[in-house]
Amino acid sequence: MSAGLPQTVRARHGMAASIHPLASETGVAILRRGGNAFDAAVAMAALLNVVDPHMTGIGGDAFMLTYHAAGGKVEALNASGRSPYDCSLEYYAGLGWQQIPVTGIHAVSTPGALDGWLRLLERHGSMALADLLEPAIRAAFDGFVVNRYLAGWYRHPLFGMSRWARFPATAATYLTDGQPPEAGQRLRQPALAGTLQRLARHGARDFYEGELAERIERFCRQQGGFLTRRDLRDHQSDWVEPISTIYRGYTIYEFPPNTQGIALLEQLNILEGFDLAALGPNSAEAIHLQIEAKKLAFADLERYITDPDAAAIPVAGLLAKAYAARQRETIRRDQAAASTPRLDPALSTLENTTYFCVVDAQRNAVSFINSLRSPWGCGLVAADTGILLQNRGKDFSLNPRHVNRLAPHKRTFHTLNPAMVLRDGQLVLVLGCAGAEQQTQALQQLLVNVIDFGMEPQEAIAAPRWSSASGLEIGLEAGIEAQARGRLAAKGHRLVETISTFGQAQMIAVEAQGGGLRGGTESRAEGLVAGY
């Protein structure tokens, strides 16, 4: 690893890694108080609602992979919401829309994250929700210092706060004296603090059935939206079976549909037939094979992935090694394939999610991803609640023949996907990445870096990345050498400079000998690994 880059953090007892130092420190503080990884995860999620407000919160969705050490089992909790009962393809067709707008009330789907926090605690937690919300309440009420990362998102040319300032409740929540805060300024969110205090007193169901539900419904109706108390009341997070594959002796666990997690496993199945270690990290030959595997997997996402309750998805077939072998045969080592799904050009350039992970002294672990979809969600804070609503409904297709077409009370395709790795039944890695369509691409690169190239967690995260956008277009980080760039161009890849992000990852490794912990955080942002 180059001098000056963050080094892998080591700890004996517990560890937490996230995009914000206060969240990581909160997770470790809960572990020190005797809480377990599941308790720490909820406290971290709540704290990130405050300090990473443009990416995450109780107005969004969440997915969790959990590892319960006593049972040695990986579980998956789907806390994604569904479309409103009252929405319809016919309504949008009447407006003449070809797609649901990114901004505004019509992109809102039922927020599922908070119910997921509650379900996680009900099954595995040891502390009360009120105690776990306390650090977030304090940070929202007293304020926190805005870092450069958040200050930059206030001023993003596509998704900056200038787009949302016209919404009074949003401006009141996130602007300071009518202006976006600068790095180093304090941001207070008293309305959100009040909402979290109410949840601490009355429980999370108040959000779905009580006064908070009434206030959210009233706001949405005033804005001309569809979300009602019925949608909130009927929301249910679901414990589902994770999906997995074996890659070079490691069992890689991912989240099943309605997420893109299956794409990571397909990519690894294809790559298993190539000797990447012999090609070397970030060589043109290795990058080419990795990108071509990604293209094949993403074609399947476009064709098959939606709410599994609404369509039959051939998960077993997609994960079969025989299917991967047939896919592998289509890859030309001298030529990039041009036929690939067209990705969302806005999402391809953005992180729009927060990911974190935590492991405790008993080696329980949570791989947790929470999102508002786009930065600043739909742009609307629900009146005086301080709750920023997600725009996940944007991901539904308005094409009546598309597998992910809009329908009432349906889950949409999700980019969110946490990951875990076991070997011989023992926890090895907890990892994930924010960044829309970049998520499984970055995770593929991280796992190849660790498994094929033997990198430490921080080294694997800091290594230069590629990003495959649409067709032949790829982005390459500056650290990828000129020779590799030239050879990729010779294979037909089209290098572009418009891809501004390569994902934001966190990783915790559990050592087989001695059980120590090693963690890495995103060197491209201002994250932190904390341990004790």
Protein backbone atom coordinates (compact mmCIF):
# COMPACT_ATOMS: atom_id res chain seq x y z
CA MET A 1 0.00 0.00 0.00
CA SER A 2 1.21 3.49 -0.82
CA ALA A 3 2.53 5.65 1.97
CA GLY A 4 0.01 8.10 3.40
CA LEU A 5 -3.06 5.93 2.81
CA PRO A 6 -5.11 4.69 5.79
CA GLN A 7 -3.91 1.41 7.24
CA THR A 8 -5.98 -1.63 8.17
CA VAL A 9 -7.30 -1.21 11.71
CA ARG A 10 -6.92 -4.12 14.13
CA ALA A 11 -8.93 -4.88 17.25
CA ARG A 12 -9.53 -7.78 19.59
CA HIS A 13 -13.11 -7.45 20.85
CA GLY A 14 -15.44 -5.49 18.60
CA MET A 15 -15.36 -3.28 15.53
CA ALA A 16 -17.59 -0.94 13.52
CA ALA A 17 -16.98 0.68 10.14
CA SER A 18 -19.06 3.40 8.48
CA ILE A 19 -18.98 6.52 6.34
CA HIS A 20 -18.99 8.82 9.39
CA PRO A 21 -16.71 8.76 12.46
CA LEU A 22 -19.56 9.54 14.86
CA ALA A 23 -21.52 6.52 13.64
CA SER A 24 -18.57 4.14 13.98
CA GLU A 25 -17.77 5.49 17.45
CA THR A 26 -21.43 5.11 18.43
CA GLY A 27 -21.40 1.47 17.39
CA VAL A 28 -18.30 0.72 19.45
CA ALA A 29 -19.74 2.65 22.42
CA ILE A 30 -22.81 0.39 22.38
CA LEU A 31 -20.56 -2.70 22.27
CA ARG A 32 -18.55 -1.39 25.22
CA ARG A 33 -21.79 -0.90 27.19
CA GLY A 34 -22.58 -4.60 26.77
CA GLY A 35 -24.77 -4.38 23.70
CA ASN A 36 -24.34 -6.84 20.86
CA ALA A 37 -23.75 -6.24 17.15
CA PHE A 38 -27.48 -6.07 16.48
CA ASP A 39 -27.98 -3.34 19.08
CA ALA A 40 -24.98 -1.44 17.73
CA ALA A 41 -26.34 -1.65 14.19
CA VAL A 42 -29.60 0.05 15.14
CA ALA A 43 -27.78 2.79 17.05
CA MET A 44 -25.49 3.37 14.07
CA ALA A 45 -28.40 3.45 11.62
CA ALA A 46 -30.18 6.06 13.73
CA LEU A 47 -27.04 8.19 14.14
CA LEU A 48 -26.41 8.08 10.37
CA ASN A 49 -29.95 9.39 9.84
CA VAL A 50 -28.66 12.56 11.49
CA VAL A 51 -25.09 12.92 10.20
CA ASP A 52 -25.53 11.37 6.71
CA PRO A 53 -28.99 12.85 6.12
CA HIS A 54 -28.84 13.07 2.32
CA MET A 55 -28.26 9.33 2.00
CA THR A 56 -30.20 7.53 4.71
CA GLY A 57 -32.93 7.65 7.31
CA ILE A 58 -36.25 6.38 8.53
CA GLY A 59 -37.90 7.78 5.42
CA GLY A 60 -36.03 5.15 3.35
CA ASP A 61 -35.48 1.41 3.02
CA ALA A 62 -32.94 -1.01 4.48
CA PHE A 63 -31.52 -4.51 3.98
CA MET A 64 -29.52 -6.47 6.53
CA LEU A 65 -27.49 -9.66 6.51
CA THR A 66 -26.96 -10.94 10.04
CA TYR A 67 -24.67 -13.60 11.45
CA HIS A 68 -25.62 -15.14 14.78
CA ALA A 69 -22.46 -16.77 16.09
CA ALA A 70 -24.17 -19.23 18.43
CA GLY A 71 -26.12 -20.78 15.57
CA GLY A 72 -23.54 -20.13 12.86
CA LYS A 73 -26.30 -18.95 10.55
CA VAL A 74 -26.58 -16.09 8.07
CA GLU A 75 -30.03 -14.50 7.88
CA ALA A 76 -31.49 -11.78 5.66
CA LEU A 77 -33.96 -9.07 6.67
CA ASN A 78 -35.77 -7.24 3.87
CA ALA A 79 -36.93 -3.87 5.21
CA SER A 80 -37.89 -2.38 1.85
CA GLY A 81 -41.28 -0.78 1.44
CA ARG A 82 -43.88 -1.29 -1.22
CA SER A 83 -45.63 1.05 -3.64
CA PRO A 84 -48.79 2.76 -2.37
CA TYR A 85 -52.06 0.88 -2.78
CA ASP A 86 -53.58 3.82 -4.67
CA CYS A 87 -50.94 4.20 -7.38
CA SER A 88 -51.45 2.80 -10.88
CA LEU A 89 -49.89 2.61 -14.31
CA GLU A 90 -53.06 4.16 -15.71
CA TYR A 91 -52.63 7.30 -13.60
CA TYR A 92 -49.11 7.93 -14.87
CA ALA A 93 -50.08 7.06 -18.45
CA GLY A 94 -52.78 9.72 -18.16
CA LEU A 95 -50.08 12.26 -17.32
CA GLY A 96 -48.13 11.21 -20.38
CA TRP A 97 -45.07 10.21 -18.33
CA GLN A 98 -42.55 7.72 -19.67
CA GLN A 99 -40.93 7.35 -16.25
CA ILE A 100 -41.55 8.42 -12.67
CA PRO A 101 -39.75 11.68 -11.84
CA VAL A 102 -36.77 11.64 -9.49
CA THR A 103 -38.10 14.60 -7.51
CA GLY A 104 -41.40 15.05 -5.75
CA ILE A 105 -44.21 13.17 -4.11
CA HIS A 106 -44.96 10.72 -6.94
CA ALA A 107 -41.62 8.98 -6.42
CA VAL A 108 -42.41 8.17 -2.77
CA SER A 109 -42.86 4.56 -1.70
CA THR A 110 -43.55 3.22 1.77
CA PRO A 111 -40.55 3.72 4.06
CA GLY A 112 -39.46 0.34 5.43
CA ALA A 113 -36.22 1.01 7.30
CA LEU A 114 -37.57 1.76 10.77
CA ASP A 115 -39.65 -1.40 10.89
CA GLY A 116 -36.51 -3.30 9.93
CA TRP A 117 -34.64 -1.83 12.90
CA LEU A 118 -37.49 -3.00 15.14
CA ARG A 119 -37.55 -6.53 13.68
CA LEU A 120 -33.80 -6.86 14.09
CA LEU A 121 -34.05 -5.95 17.77
CA GLU A 122 -37.01 -8.24 18.33
CA ARG A 123 -35.09 -11.24 17.05
CA HIS A 124 -31.52 -10.58 18.19
CA GLY A 125 -31.29 -7.37 20.22
CA SER A 126 -30.49 -7.04 23.92
CA MET A 127 -31.11 -3.31 24.48
CA ALA A 128 -34.20 -1.13 24.34
CA LEU A 129 -34.88 0.97 21.25
CA ALA A 130 -35.06 4.12 23.38
CA ASP A 131 -31.50 3.63 24.61
CA LEU A 132 -30.22 3.00 21.09
CA LEU A 133 -31.90 6.15 19.73
CA GLU A 134 -30.39 8.37 22.42
CA PRO A 135 -27.09 9.16 20.60
CA ALA A 136 -29.02 10.16 17.47
CA ILE A 137 -31.46 12.28 19.45
CA ARG A 138 -28.59 14.12 21.10
CA ALA A 139 -26.79 14.69 17.78
CA ALA A 140 -29.96 15.95 16.09
CA PHE A 141 -30.86 18.29 18.93
CA ASP A 142 -27.39 19.63 19.77
CA GLY A 143 -26.12 19.52 16.20
CA PHE A 144 -22.99 18.10 14.63
CA VAL A 145 -20.14 19.55 12.59
CA VAL A 146 -20.69 19.26 8.84
CA ASN A 147 -17.73 17.57 7.12
CA ARG A 148 -16.43 18.20 3.60
CA TYR A 149 -18.23 15.15 2.24
CA LEU A 150 -21.69 16.39 3.30
CA ALA A 151 -20.89 20.00 2.39
CA GLY A 152 -20.03 18.79 -1.11
CA TRP A 153 -23.37 17.07 -1.50
CA TYR A 154 -25.18 20.28 -0.56
CA ARG A 155 -23.55 21.77 -3.66
CA HIS A 156 -23.67 18.82 -6.09
CA PRO A 157 -24.57 20.08 -9.59
CA LEU A 158 -27.28 17.45 -10.11
CA PHE A 159 -28.55 16.67 -6.63
CA GLY A 160 -27.48 19.65 -4.54
CA MET A 161 -29.68 21.38 -2.00
CA SER A 162 -30.44 24.15 -4.51
CA ARG A 163 -33.00 21.75 -6.01
CA TRP A 164 -34.77 21.27 -2.69
CA ALA A 165 -34.70 24.79 -1.27
CA ARG A 166 -38.08 25.48 -2.87
CA PHE A 167 -39.68 22.98 -0.49
CA PRO A 168 -40.23 24.88 2.81
CA ALA A 169 -39.99 21.93 5.21
CA THR A 170 -36.84 20.65 3.49
CA ALA A 171 -35.20 24.07 3.57
CA ALA A 172 -36.13 24.54 7.24
CA THR A 173 -34.61 21.16 8.10
CA TYR A 174 -31.31 21.32 6.24
CA LEU A 175 -30.39 24.94 5.58
CA THR A 176 -28.72 27.26 8.07
CA ASP A 177 -30.01 30.85 7.89
CA GLY A 178 -31.35 29.99 4.46
CA GLN A 179 -27.99 28.78 3.14
CA PRO A 180 -26.32 25.38 2.76
CA PRO A 181 -23.88 24.94 5.65
CA GLU A 182 -20.16 25.01 4.97
CA ALA A 183 -17.74 22.36 6.20
CA GLY A 184 -17.05 23.14 9.84
CA GLN A 185 -20.47 24.64 10.53
CA ARG A 186 -22.98 23.06 12.89
CA LEU A 187 -26.21 21.55 11.59
CA ARG A 188 -29.09 21.06 14.02
CA GLN A 189 -32.26 19.10 13.23
CA PRO A 190 -34.66 19.75 16.13
CA ALA A 191 -37.72 18.44 14.26
CA LEU A 192 -35.99 15.11 13.64
CA ALA A 193 -34.86 15.05 17.27
CA GLY A 194 -38.50 15.45 18.30
CA THR A 195 -39.57 12.59 16.04
CA LEU A 196 -36.86 10.30 17.40
CA GLN A 197 -37.86 11.23 20.96
CA ARG A 198 -41.44 10.33 20.14
CA LEU A 199 -40.32 6.97 18.78
CA ALA A 200 -38.26 6.40 21.94
CA ARG A 201 -41.35 7.05 24.08
CA HIS A 202 -44.07 5.40 22.00
CA GLY A 203 -42.19 2.80 19.98
CA ALA A 204 -41.47 2.39 16.30
CA ARG A 205 -45.05 1.44 15.47
CA ASP A 206 -46.09 5.06 16.01
CA PHE A 207 -44.43 5.72 12.65
CA TYR A 208 -46.69 3.15 10.98
CA GLU A 209 -49.91 3.32 13.00
CA GLY A 210 -49.91 6.32 15.36
CA GLU A 211 -49.67 10.07 15.26
CA LEU A 212 -46.58 10.10 13.07
CA ALA A 213 -48.41 7.99 10.49
CA GLU A 214 -51.26 10.51 10.48
CA ARG A 215 -48.86 13.42 9.98
CA ILE A 216 -47.05 11.66 7.12
CA GLU A 217 -50.33 10.77 5.38
CA ARG A 218 -51.66 14.31 5.75
CA PHE A 219 -48.50 15.76 4.25
CA CYS A 220 -48.48 13.33 1.31
CA ARG A 221 -52.13 14.01 0.54
CA GLN A 222 -51.49 17.77 0.61
CA GLN A 223 -48.72 17.26 -1.92
CA GLY A 224 -50.95 15.19 -4.22
CA GLY A 225 -49.29 11.86 -3.40
CA PHE A 226 -50.64 8.37 -2.77
CA LEU A 227 -48.99 7.25 0.50
CA THR A 228 -51.57 6.64 3.27
CA ARG A 229 -51.81 5.23 6.77
CA ARG A 230 -52.99 1.98 5.21
CA ASP A 231 -49.69 1.68 3.33
CA LEU A 232 -47.76 2.40 6.51
CA ARG A 233 -49.89 0.12 8.69
CA ASP A 234 -49.63 -2.81 6.28
CA HIS A 235 -45.87 -2.54 5.80
CA GLN A 236 -44.02 -5.63 6.98
CA SER A 237 -40.31 -6.34 6.92
CA ASP A 238 -39.54 -9.95 6.04
CA TRP A 239 -36.90 -12.42 7.15
CA VAL A 240 -35.92 -14.21 3.95
CA GLU A 241 -33.35 -16.80 2.97
CA PRO A 242 -30.05 -15.34 1.79
CA ILE A 243 -28.54 -16.59 -1.45
CA SER A 244 -24.95 -17.76 -1.81
CA THR A 245 -22.28 -19.25 -4.02
CA ILE A 246 -18.86 -20.75 -3.41
CA TYR A 247 -15.92 -18.84 -4.87
CA ARG A 248 -12.51 -20.49 -4.51
CA GLY A 249 -13.56 -22.20 -1.28
CA TYR A 250 -15.28 -19.16 0.26
CA THR A 251 -19.07 -19.06 0.66
CA ILE A 252 -20.25 -15.62 -0.46
CA TYR A 253 -23.65 -14.63 0.95
CA GLU A 254 -25.82 -12.03 -0.70
CA PHE A 255 -29.33 -10.65 -0.53
CA PRO A 256 -31.91 -12.32 -2.80
CA PRO A 257 -34.29 -10.50 -5.17
CA ASN A 258 -35.78 -7.88 -5.05
CA THR A 259 -32.15 -6.67 -4.84
CA GLN A 260 -29.27 -6.83 -7.32
CA GLY A 261 -27.27 -9.05 -4.93
CA ILE A 262 -27.58 -12.02 -7.28
CA ALA A 263 -25.45 -10.10 -9.82
CA LEU A 264 -22.43 -10.25 -7.51
CA LEU A 265 -22.73 -14.02 -7.22
CA GLU A 266 -23.16 -14.43 -10.97
CA GLN A 267 -20.04 -12.35 -11.59
CA LEU A 268 -17.99 -14.46 -9.19
CA ASN A 269 -19.28 -17.72 -10.68
CA ILE A 270 -18.14 -16.56 -14.12
CA LEU A 271 -14.76 -15.31 -12.88
CA GLU A 272 -14.03 -18.53 -11.00
CA GLY A 273 -13.11 -20.15 -14.31
CA PHE A 274 -10.26 -17.67 -14.91
CA ASP A 275 -6.89 -17.56 -13.15
CA LEU A 276 -7.07 -13.94 -12.06
CA ALA A 277 -4.19 -14.29 -9.61
CA ALA A 278 -1.86 -15.08 -12.52
CA LEU A 279 -3.01 -11.98 -14.39
CA GLY A 280 -2.30 -9.59 -11.50
CA PRO A 281 -4.39 -6.87 -9.84
CA ASN A 282 -5.68 -4.15 -12.17
CA SER A 283 -3.97 -5.63 -15.22
CA ALA A 284 -5.83 -4.97 -18.45
CA GLU A 285 -6.54 -8.68 -18.83
CA ALA A 286 -8.02 -9.03 -15.34
CA ILE A 287 -10.09 -5.84 -15.61
CA HIS A 288 -11.43 -6.92 -19.00
CA LEU A 289 -12.65 -10.27 -17.67
CA GLN A 290 -14.17 -8.65 -14.59
CA ILE A 291 -16.05 -6.10 -16.68
CA GLU A 292 -17.32 -8.70 -19.13
CA ALA A 293 -18.60 -10.85 -16.24
CA LYS A 294 -20.39 -7.79 -14.87
CA LYS A 295 -22.11 -7.15 -18.21
CA LEU A 296 -23.50 -10.68 -18.36
CA ALA A 297 -24.82 -10.51 -14.81
CA PHE A 298 -26.44 -7.12 -15.35
CA ALA A 299 -28.27 -8.38 -18.41
CA ASP A 300 -30.00 -10.85 -16.10
CA LEU A 301 -30.88 -8.09 -13.63
CA GLU A 302 -32.67 -6.19 -16.38
CA ARG A 303 -34.53 -9.29 -17.54
CA TYR A 304 -35.57 -10.96 -14.30
CA ILE A 305 -35.28 -8.97 -11.06
CA THR A 306 -38.30 -7.48 -9.34
CA ASP A 307 -40.51 -8.29 -6.34
CA PRO A 308 -40.40 -12.12 -6.06
CA ASP A 309 -44.02 -12.04 -4.87
CA ALA A 310 -45.01 -10.54 -8.23
CA ALA A 311 -43.00 -12.69 -10.65
CA ALA A 312 -41.24 -16.05 -10.84
CA ILE A 313 -37.48 -15.44 -10.72
CA PRO A 314 -35.18 -18.35 -11.71
CA VAL A 315 -32.74 -17.81 -8.83
CA ALA A 316 -31.41 -21.37 -8.76
CA GLY A 317 -30.80 -21.36 -12.49
CA LEU A 318 -29.04 -18.00 -12.43
CA LEU A 319 -26.73 -19.24 -9.67
CA ALA A 320 -25.96 -22.61 -11.22
CA LYS A 321 -22.31 -23.24 -12.00
CA ALA A 322 -23.31 -24.78 -15.32
CA TYR A 323 -25.04 -21.54 -16.28
CA ALA A 324 -21.90 -19.60 -15.34
CA ALA A 325 -19.83 -21.90 -17.55
CA ARG A 326 -22.07 -21.14 -20.53
CA GLN A 327 -21.84 -17.42 -19.80
CA ARG A 328 -18.06 -17.69 -19.53
CA GLU A 329 -17.84 -19.22 -23.00
CA THR A 330 -19.37 -16.07 -24.52
CA ILE A 331 -16.56 -13.82 -23.27
CA ARG A 332 -13.93 -12.87 -25.82
CA ARG A 333 -10.60 -12.13 -24.19
CA ASP A 334 -9.62 -9.79 -27.02
CA GLN A 335 -12.87 -7.89 -27.50
CA ALA A 336 -15.29 -6.00 -25.24
CA ALA A 337 -18.98 -6.84 -25.65
CA ALA A 338 -21.16 -3.87 -26.63
CA SER A 339 -24.59 -5.36 -25.93
CA THR A 340 -25.41 -4.48 -22.32
CA PRO A 341 -28.40 -3.00 -20.45
CA ARG A 342 -28.68 0.77 -20.45
CA LEU A 343 -28.07 1.95 -16.90
CA ASP A 344 -29.52 5.05 -15.28
CA PRO A 345 -26.91 7.70 -16.20
CA ALA A 346 -27.64 9.76 -13.10
CA LEU A 347 -27.32 6.86 -10.69
CA SER A 348 -24.16 5.64 -12.37
CA THR A 349 -22.34 8.71 -11.14
CA LEU A 350 -23.57 8.80 -7.57
CA GLU A 351 -23.33 7.29 -4.16
CA ASN A 352 -26.89 7.40 -2.87
CA THR A 353 -26.79 5.08 0.10
CA THR A 354 -25.04 4.49 3.38
CA TYR A 355 -23.43 1.14 4.22
CA PHE A 356 -21.91 0.07 7.53
CA CYS A 357 -20.92 -3.12 9.32
CA VAL A 358 -20.32 -4.17 12.90
CA VAL A 359 -18.90 -7.27 14.64
CA ASP A 360 -19.05 -7.88 18.39
CA ALA A 361 -16.92 -9.85 20.88
CA GLN A 362 -19.01 -13.00 20.37
CA ARG A 363 -18.53 -12.57 16.60
CA ASN A 364 -22.13 -11.76 15.89
CA ALA A 365 -22.17 -9.50 12.86
CA VAL A 366 -24.44 -7.22 10.84
CA SER A 367 -23.95 -6.12 7.25
CA PHE A 368 -26.36 -3.19 6.92
CA ILE A 369 -27.38 -0.93 4.03
CA ASN A 370 -29.92 1.89 4.31
CA SER A 371 -30.92 4.35 1.58
CA LEU A 372 -33.17 7.17 0.38
CA ARG A 373 -32.40 6.10 -3.22
CA SER A 374 -31.20 9.42 -4.69
CA PRO A 375 -29.21 11.94 -2.65
CA TRP A 376 -31.81 13.87 -0.60
CA GLY A 377 -34.46 11.30 -1.55
CA CYS A 378 -37.50 12.81 -3.25
CA GLY A 379 -36.55 16.20 -1.82
CA LEU A 380 -39.52 16.39 0.53
CA VAL A 381 -39.38 16.44 4.33
CA ALA A 382 -42.75 15.37 5.74
CA ALA A 383 -43.92 18.67 7.23
CA ASP A 384 -42.56 19.22 10.76
CA THR A 385 -41.39 15.63 11.35
CA GLY A 386 -37.82 16.07 10.08
CA ILE A 387 -38.32 12.85 8.06
CA LEU A 388 -36.89 13.02 4.53
CA LEU A 389 -38.92 10.74 2.27
CA GLN A 390 -37.26 8.40 -0.22
CA ASN A 391 -37.86 8.33 -3.97
CA ARG A 392 -37.51 4.56 -4.38
CA GLY A 393 -40.70 4.47 -6.43
CA LYS A 394 -38.63 5.99 -9.23
CA ASP A 395 -37.20 2.53 -9.90
CA PHE A 396 -40.51 1.11 -11.09
CA SER A 397 -40.98 0.88 -14.85
CA LEU A 398 -44.04 2.46 -16.47
CA ASN A 399 -43.76 -0.03 -19.32
CA PRO A 400 -46.66 -2.46 -18.75
CA ARG A 401 -44.60 -5.31 -20.25
CA HIS A 402 -41.52 -4.82 -18.05
CA VAL A 403 -40.94 -7.33 -15.25
CA ASN A 404 -40.46 -4.45 -12.79
CA ARG A 405 -43.57 -2.55 -13.87
CA LEU A 406 -45.42 -0.46 -11.33
CA ALA A 407 -48.31 -2.11 -9.50
CA PRO A 408 -50.06 -1.37 -6.19
CA HIS A 409 -48.41 -2.68 -3.00
CA LYS A 410 -45.35 -4.03 -4.81
CA ARG A 411 -41.66 -3.95 -3.99
CA THR A 412 -39.45 -2.54 -6.70
CA PHE A 413 -36.03 -3.67 -7.91
CA HIS A 414 -33.37 -2.45 -5.47
CA THR A 415 -29.68 -1.76 -5.97
CA LEU A 416 -29.07 -2.22 -2.23
CA ASN A 417 -27.16 -5.38 -1.29
CA PRO A 418 -25.10 -6.17 1.82
CA ALA A 419 -22.63 -9.07 1.73
CA MET A 420 -20.92 -11.59 4.02
CA VAL A 421 -18.31 -14.29 3.54
CA LEU A 422 -17.84 -17.56 5.46
CA ARG A 423 -15.26 -20.31 5.13
CA ASP A 424 -15.70 -23.75 6.65
CA GLY A 425 -18.74 -22.38 8.47
CA GLN A 426 -16.81 -19.54 10.12
CA LEU A 427 -17.33 -15.83 9.55
CA VAL A 428 -14.53 -14.36 7.43
CA LEU A 429 -15.67 -11.02 5.98
CA VAL A 430 -18.48 -8.52 6.48
CA LEU A 431 -18.61 -5.99 3.66
CA GLY A 432 -20.71 -3.75 1.50
CA CYS A 433 -20.62 -0.71 -0.72
CA ALA A 434 -22.77 2.33 -1.44
CA GLY A 435 -23.11 3.51 -5.01
CA ALA A 436 -26.20 2.37 -6.95
CA GLU A 437 -25.23 0.18 -9.93
CA GLN A 438 -21.61 0.36 -8.81
CA GLN A 439 -22.34 -1.67 -5.67
CA THR A 440 -21.91 -5.22 -6.96
CA GLN A 441 -19.14 -4.09 -9.31
CA ALA A 442 -17.15 -2.69 -6.40
CA LEU A 443 -17.90 -5.72 -4.21
CA GLN A 444 -16.66 -7.99 -6.97
CA GLN A 445 -13.41 -6.02 -7.06
CA LEU A 446 -13.04 -6.06 -3.28
CA LEU A 447 -13.53 -9.81 -3.08
CA VAL A 448 -11.12 -10.47 -5.93
CA ASN A 449 -8.60 -8.19 -4.23
CA VAL A 450 -8.87 -10.12 -0.95
CA ILE A 451 -9.34 -13.70 -2.20
CA ASP A 452 -7.34 -13.74 -5.44
CA PHE A 453 -4.70 -11.12 -4.68
CA GLY A 454 -4.35 -11.52 -0.90
CA MET A 455 -4.91 -7.88 0.03
CA GLU A 456 -5.65 -6.55 3.52
CA PRO A 457 -9.09 -4.93 3.99
CA GLN A 458 -7.85 -1.35 3.76
CA GLU A 459 -5.57 -2.17 0.85
CA ALA A 460 -8.45 -3.85 -1.00
CA ILE A 461 -10.69 -0.81 -0.50
CA ALA A 462 -8.03 1.76 -1.43
CA ALA A 463 -6.95 -0.06 -4.61
CA PRO A 464 -7.96 1.78 -7.82
CA ARG A 465 -11.33 0.71 -9.21
CA TRP A 466 -13.08 0.47 -12.53
CA SER A 467 -16.74 1.15 -13.23
CA SER A 468 -18.72 -0.24 -16.16
CA ALA A 469 -21.53 2.05 -17.22
CA SER A 470 -23.47 1.49 -20.47
CA GLY A 471 -22.33 -0.49 -23.47
CA LEU A 472 -18.61 -0.09 -23.96
CA GLU A 473 -18.23 2.84 -21.58
CA ILE A 474 -15.99 2.36 -18.55
CA GLY A 475 -14.45 4.62 -15.95
CA LEU A 476 -11.00 4.00 -14.50
CA GLU A 477 -9.57 5.59 -11.39
CA ALA A 478 -6.34 7.51 -11.70
CA GLY A 479 -4.21 4.79 -10.11
CA ILE A 480 -4.76 2.36 -12.99
CA GLU A 481 -1.65 2.49 -15.14
CA ALA A 482 -1.45 3.98 -18.63
CA GLN A 483 -0.38 0.64 -20.14
CA ALA A 484 -3.52 -1.05 -18.83
CA ARG A 485 -5.65 1.81 -20.13
CA GLY A 486 -4.17 1.45 -23.58
CA ARG A 487 -4.68 -2.30 -23.70
CA LEU A 488 -8.30 -1.94 -22.54
CA ALA A 489 -8.93 0.63 -25.26
CA ALA A 490 -7.43 -1.79 -27.78
CA LYS A 491 -10.02 -4.37 -26.70
CA GLY A 492 -12.79 -1.91 -27.52
CA HIS A 493 -13.56 -0.46 -24.10
CA ARG A 494 -14.44 3.23 -24.30
CA LEU A 495 -12.85 5.19 -21.45
CA VAL A 496 -14.98 8.07 -20.19
CA GLU A 497 -14.35 10.72 -17.57
CA THR A 498 -17.97 11.33 -16.54
CA ILE A 499 -18.10 8.58 -13.92
CA SER A 500 -17.43 10.59 -10.78
CA THR A 501 -17.63 7.86 -8.16
CA PHE A 502 -16.48 4.29 -7.78
CA GLY A 503 -18.53 3.40 -4.70
CA GLN A 504 -17.93 3.76 -1.00
CA ALA A 505 -17.07 0.56 0.83
CA GLN A 506 -16.55 -0.73 4.36
CA MET A 507 -15.08 -4.09 5.39
CA ILE A 508 -14.36 -6.08 8.56
CA ALA A 509 -12.35 -9.32 8.42
CA VAL A 510 -12.39 -11.97 11.15
CA GLU A 511 -9.09 -13.82 11.48
CA ALA A 512 -9.22 -17.60 11.48
CA GLN A 513 -6.33 -17.86 13.94
CA GLY A 514 -6.97 -16.01 17.17
CA GLY A 515 -10.23 -14.44 16.03
CA GLY A 516 -8.88 -10.89 15.81
CA LEU A 517 -10.60 -8.25 13.71
CA ARG A 518 -9.19 -6.23 10.82
CA GLY A 519 -11.14 -3.38 9.30
CA GLY A 520 -10.98 -1.03 6.32
CA THR A 521 -12.97 2.08 5.46
CA GLU A 522 -13.49 4.14 2.35
CA SER A 523 -10.35 6.15 1.60
CA ARG A 524 -12.34 8.18 -0.95
CA ALA A 525 -14.50 9.74 1.75
CA GLU A 526 -14.29 10.52 5.47
CA GLY A 527 -15.22 7.19 7.02
CA LEU A 528 -13.79 5.52 10.09
CA VAL A 529 -13.10 2.05 11.43
CA ALA A 530 -13.41 1.99 15.22
CA GLY A 531 -12.53 -0.97 17.42
CA TYR A 532 -11.52 -1.99 20.92
